[in-house]
C-alpha atoms as a PDB file:
ATOM      1  CA  MET A   1     143.327 120.836  56.641  1.00  0.00           C
ATOM      2  CA  GLU A   2     139.744 120.765  57.532  1.00  0.00           C
ATOM      3  CA  VAL A   3     139.063 123.137  60.573  1.00  0.00           C
ATOM      4  CA  ARG A   4     135.516 121.928  61.557  1.00  0.00           C
ATOM      5  CA  GLY A   5     136.331 118.159  61.399  1.00  0.00           C
ATOM      6  CA  PRO A   6     133.631 116.096  62.673  1.00  0.00           C
ATOM      7  CA  TYR A   7     131.368 118.901  63.158  1.00  0.00           C
ATOM      8  CA  SER A   8     131.193 119.975  59.695  1.00  0.00           C
ATOM      9  CA  ASN A   9     128.200 117.726  58.652  1.00  0.00           C
ATOM     10  CA  ILE A  10     125.414 118.967  61.149  1.00  0.00           C
ATOM     11  CA  LYS A  11     122.548 118.239  59.042  1.00  0.00           C
ATOM     12  CA  ALA A  12     121.663 115.053  60.676  1.00  0.00           C
ATOM     13  CA  GLN A  13     122.125 116.508  64.230  1.00  0.00           C
ATOM     14  CA  VAL A  14     119.816 119.488  63.155  1.00  0.00           C
ATOM     15  CA  ARG A  15     117.140 117.141  61.774  1.00  0.00           C
ATOM     16  CA  ALA A  16     117.329 115.322  65.018  1.00  0.00           C
ATOM     17  CA  LEU A  17     116.968 118.379  66.942  1.00  0.00           C
ATOM     18  CA  GLU A  18     113.859 119.717  64.860  1.00  0.00           C
ATOM     19  CA  GLU A  19     112.029 116.304  65.272  1.00  0.00           C
ATOM     20  CA  LEU A  20     112.431 116.603  69.051  1.00  0.00           C
ATOM     21  CA  ARG A  21     111.286 120.066  68.917  1.00  0.00           C
ATOM     22  CA  GLU A  22     108.237 119.005  66.997  1.00  0.00           C
ATOM     23  CA  LYS A  23     107.128 116.625  69.909  1.00  0.00           C
ATOM     24  CA  LEU A  24     107.245 119.112  72.443  1.00  0.00           C
ATOM     25  CA  PRO A  25     104.002 120.844  73.183  1.00  0.00           C
ATOM     26  CA  SER A  26     103.201 124.421  71.765  1.00  0.00           C
ATOM     27  CA  LEU A  27     103.638 127.315  74.318  1.00  0.00           C
ATOM     28  CA  ASP A  28     100.405 128.402  73.301  1.00  0.00           C
ATOM     29  CA  ALA A  29      98.574 124.891  74.178  1.00  0.00           C
ATOM     30  CA  PRO A  30      96.771 124.652  77.547  1.00  0.00           C
ATOM     31  CA  GLU A  31      98.524 122.902  80.174  1.00  0.00           C
ATOM     32  CA  PRO A  32      97.623 119.042  80.224  1.00  0.00           C
ATOM     33  CA  THR A  33      95.312 117.643  82.749  1.00  0.00           C
ATOM     34  CA  SER A  34      96.779 115.675  85.402  1.00  0.00           C
ATOM     35  CA  ILE A  35      97.283 112.092  84.926  1.00  0.00           C
ATOM     36  CA  LYS A  36      94.418 109.841  86.429  1.00  0.00           C
ATOM     37  CA  ARG A  37      96.012 107.058  88.665  1.00  0.00           C
ATOM     38  CA  ASP A  38      94.218 104.140  90.352  1.00  0.00           C
ATOM     39  CA  ARG A  39      93.592 104.913  93.828  1.00  0.00           C
ATOM     40  CA  PRO A  40      94.915 102.270  96.319  1.00  0.00           C
ATOM     41  CA  ARG A  41      92.087  99.534  96.864  1.00  0.00           C
ATOM     42  CA  ARG A  42      90.072  99.661 100.030  1.00  0.00           C
ATOM     43  CA  VAL A  43      90.536  96.750 102.112  1.00  0.00           C
ATOM     44  CA  ARG A  44      87.531  94.204 101.594  1.00  0.00           C
ATOM     45  CA  GLN A  45      85.466  93.796 104.773  1.00  0.00           C
ATOM     46  CA  LEU A  46      83.272  90.641 105.011  1.00  0.00           C
ATOM     47  CA  GLY A  47      80.041  90.848 106.731  1.00  0.00           C
ATOM     48  CA  PRO A  48      79.162  88.778 109.626  1.00  0.00           C
ATOM     49  CA  GLY A  49      77.262  86.214 107.179  1.00  0.00           C
ATOM     50  CA  GLN A  50      80.271  85.970 104.659  1.00  0.00           C
ATOM     51  CA  VAL A  51      82.574  85.444 107.971  1.00  0.00           C
ATOM     52  CA  GLU A  52      80.345  82.675 109.056  1.00  0.00           C
ATOM     53  CA  GLN A  53      80.273  81.083 105.336  1.00  0.00           C
ATOM     54  CA  LEU A  54      84.167  81.388 105.293  1.00  0.00           C
ATOM     55  CA  ILE A  55      84.587  79.676 108.806  1.00  0.00           C
ATOM     56  CA  ALA A  56      81.994  76.756 107.608  1.00  0.00           C
ATOM     57  CA  GLY A  57      83.986  76.412 104.298  1.00  0.00           C
ATOM     58  CA  TYR A  58      87.284  75.925 105.995  1.00  0.00           C
ATOM     59  CA  ARG A  59      85.554  73.431 108.330  1.00  0.00           C
ATOM     60  CA  SER A  60      84.346  71.261 105.756  1.00  0.00           C
ATOM     61  CA  GLY A  61      87.747  71.078 104.034  1.00  0.00           C
ATOM     62  CA  ALA A  62      88.378  74.092 101.790  1.00  0.00           C
ATOM     63  CA  THR A  63      91.819  75.416 101.973  1.00  0.00           C
ATOM     64  CA  VAL A  64      92.734  79.290 102.795  1.00  0.00           C
ATOM     65  CA  TYR A  65      93.885  79.570  99.166  1.00  0.00           C
ATOM     66  CA  GLU A  66      90.358  78.467  97.920  1.00  0.00           C
ATOM     67  CA  LEU A  67      88.561  80.605 100.499  1.00  0.00           C
ATOM     68  CA  GLY A  68      90.596  83.675  99.484  1.00  0.00           C
ATOM     69  CA  ASP A  69      89.551  83.098  95.989  1.00  0.00           C
ATOM     70  CA  ARG A  70      86.011  82.657  96.688  1.00  0.00           C
ATOM     71  CA  PHE A  71      85.767  85.709  98.803  1.00  0.00           C
ATOM     72  CA  GLY A  72      87.949  88.127  96.921  1.00  0.00           C
ATOM     73  CA  ILE A  73      90.541  88.294  99.677  1.00  0.00           C
ATOM     74  CA  GLU A  74      94.153  87.265 100.531  1.00  0.00           C
ATOM     75  CA  ARG A  75      94.857  84.146 101.817  1.00  0.00           C
ATOM     76  CA  ARG A  76      96.532  85.708 104.894  1.00  0.00           C
ATOM     77  CA  THR A  77      93.211  87.765 105.594  1.00  0.00           C
ATOM     78  CA  VAL A  78      91.523  84.242 105.390  1.00  0.00           C
ATOM     79  CA  SER A  79      94.033  82.992 108.124  1.00  0.00           C
ATOM     80  CA  THR A  80      93.530  86.219 110.260  1.00  0.00           C
ATOM     81  CA  ILE A  81      89.765  85.639 110.210  1.00  0.00           C
ATOM     82  CA  LEU A  82      89.995  82.183 111.116  1.00  0.00           C
ATOM     83  CA  HIS A  83      92.333  82.860 114.082  1.00  0.00           C
ATOM     84  CA  ARG A  84      89.988  85.848 115.423  1.00  0.00           C
ATOM     85  CA  HIS A  85      87.271  83.296 115.669  1.00  0.00           C
ATOM     86  CA  GLY A  86      89.197  80.770 117.393  1.00  0.00           C
ATOM     87  CA  VAL A  87      88.942  78.274 114.691  1.00  0.00           C
ATOM     88  CA  PRO A  88      91.947  75.660 115.006  1.00  0.00           C
ATOM     89  CA  MET A  89      94.046  75.658 111.521  1.00  0.00           C
ATOM     90  CA  ARG A  90      95.085  72.395 109.937  1.00  0.00           C
ATOM     91  CA  ARG A  91      98.581  71.868 109.235  1.00  0.00           C
ATOM     92  CA  ARG A  92      99.042  70.322 105.955  1.00  0.00           C
ATOM     93  CA  GLY A  93     102.781  69.300 106.239  1.00  0.00           C
ATOM     94  CA  LEU A  94     103.875  65.812 104.900  1.00  0.00           C
ATOM     95  CA  SER A  95     103.881  62.514 106.870  1.00  0.00           C
ATOM     96  CA  PRO A  96     107.043  60.368 106.847  1.00  0.00           C
ATOM     97  CA  ASP A  97     105.826  58.073 104.522  1.00  0.00           C
ATOM     98  CA  GLN A  98     105.000  61.114 102.079  1.00  0.00           C
ATOM     99  CA  VAL A  99     108.427  62.408 102.572  1.00  0.00           C
ATOM    100  CA  ASP A 100     109.910  59.268 101.441  1.00  0.00           C
ATOM    101  CA  GLU A 101     107.598  59.179  98.368  1.00  0.00           C
ATOM    102  CA  ALA A 102     108.754  62.870  97.669  1.00  0.00           C
ATOM    103  CA  ILE A 103     112.320  61.688  97.820  1.00  0.00           C
ATOM    104  CA  HIS A 104     111.777  58.775  95.524  1.00  0.00           C
ATOM    105  CA  LEU A 105     109.902  61.012  92.892  1.00  0.00           C
ATOM    106  CA  TYR A 106     112.641  63.872  93.169  1.00  0.00           C
ATOM    107  CA  ASN A 107     115.352  61.328  92.536  1.00  0.00           C
ATOM    108  CA  LEU A 108     113.399  60.123  89.573  1.00  0.00           C
ATOM    109  CA  GLY A 109     113.772  63.631  88.234  1.00  0.00           C
ATOM    110  CA  TRP A 110     110.490  65.030  89.190  1.00  0.00           C
ATOM    111  CA  SER A 111     110.698  68.871  89.835  1.00  0.00           C
ATOM    112  CA  LEU A 112     110.101  70.066  93.273  1.00  0.00           C
ATOM    113  CA  ALA A 113     106.865  71.946  91.933  1.00  0.00           C
ATOM    114  CA  ARG A 114     105.737  68.742  90.359  1.00  0.00           C
ATOM    115  CA  VAL A 115     106.176  66.603  93.592  1.00  0.00           C
ATOM    116  CA  GLY A 116     104.314  69.487  95.667  1.00  0.00           C
ATOM    117  CA  GLU A 117     101.476  69.285  93.292  1.00  0.00           C
ATOM    118  CA  HIS A 118     101.281  65.231  93.612  1.00  0.00           C
ATOM    119  CA  LEU A 119     101.294  65.516  97.399  1.00  0.00           C
ATOM    120  CA  GLY A 120      99.193  68.665  97.710  1.00  0.00           C
ATOM    121  CA  VAL A 121     101.777  70.931  99.257  1.00  0.00           C
ATOM    122  CA  ASN A 122     103.885  73.801  98.081  1.00  0.00           C
ATOM    123  CA  HIS A 123     107.096  73.287  96.632  1.00  0.00           C
ATOM    124  CA  THR A 124     108.901  74.981  99.450  1.00  0.00           C
ATOM    125  CA  THR A 125     107.473  72.512 101.936  1.00  0.00           C
ATOM    126  CA  VAL A 126     109.009  69.591  99.469  1.00  0.00           C
ATOM    127  CA  LEU A 127     112.472  71.296  99.388  1.00  0.00           C
ATOM    128  CA  ASN A 128     112.472  71.920 103.284  1.00  0.00           C
ATOM    129  CA  LYS A 129     111.861  68.094 104.095  1.00  0.00           C
ATOM    130  CA  LEU A 130     114.329  67.040 101.350  1.00  0.00           C
ATOM    131  CA  ARG A 131     116.773  69.257 102.981  1.00  0.00           C
ATOM    132  CA  GLU A 132     115.944  68.012 106.610  1.00  0.00           C
ATOM    133  CA  ARG A 133     116.594  64.407 105.187  1.00  0.00           C
ATOM    134  CA  GLY A 134     120.100  65.809 103.563  1.00  0.00           C
ATOM    135  CA  ILE A 135     119.024  65.022 100.081  1.00  0.00           C
ATOM    136  CA  PRO A 136     120.979  66.987  97.561  1.00  0.00           C
ATOM    137  CA  THR A 137     118.775  69.445  95.538  1.00  0.00           C
ATOM    138  CA  ARG A 138     119.110  70.554  91.842  1.00  0.00           C
ATOM    139  CA  ASP A 139     118.897  73.989  90.251  1.00  0.00           C
ATOM    140  CA  THR A 140     116.443  75.062  87.735  1.00  0.00           C
ATOM    141  CA  HIS A 141     118.559  73.461  85.298  1.00  0.00           C
ATOM    142  CA  GLY A 142     118.807  69.917  86.947  1.00  0.00           C
ATOM    143  CA  HIS A 143     122.523  70.652  88.123  1.00  0.00           C
ATOM    144  CA  PRO A 144     123.459  69.734  91.540  1.00  0.00           C
ATOM    145  CA  ARG A 145     122.887  73.034  93.488  1.00  0.00           C
ATOM    146  CA  VAL A 146     126.022  74.705  94.722  1.00  0.00           C
ATOM    147  CA  GLU A 147     126.049  76.632  98.078  1.00  0.00           C
ATOM    148  CA  ALA A 148     129.072  78.745  99.252  1.00  0.00           C
ATOM    149  CA  GLY A 149     131.130  76.621  96.845  1.00  0.00           C
ATOM    150  CA  VAL A 150     129.756  73.275  98.204  1.00  0.00           C
ATOM    151  CA  ALA A 151     127.710  71.049  96.484  1.00  0.00           C
ATOM    152  CA  ARG A 152     124.436  69.980  98.360  1.00  0.00           C
END
């Protein structure tokens, strides 16, 4: 009877340990320099002239998303600047006729994203309007969405 059993062939284990040991730094090697990490970015401040350009852009029809891209800031920052300067915000929602069109397109099989793009609004706006009208929605695979065991 073999006494050592599964531990009798330890060559592979020893080889694996030697490979790991070779990957370790030498005790004589100098300590590695610290890892350079990116610092958090500073908040981008717009100058007075840029703020006026931003306000003029919004008043001429640009969206907060477009202005955010143009000035290199978040769309929430654009909204904050506009609010701070008393600029009335546009509400882009959907008119009742547009909701009817959204329902029609969605029932034809269009995705929420495609309907939203067609109507110039976010897909969640379309989803919310469909739900307000009691329209059953589909999951990402086109199957009826199930919530808490009940099909919508």
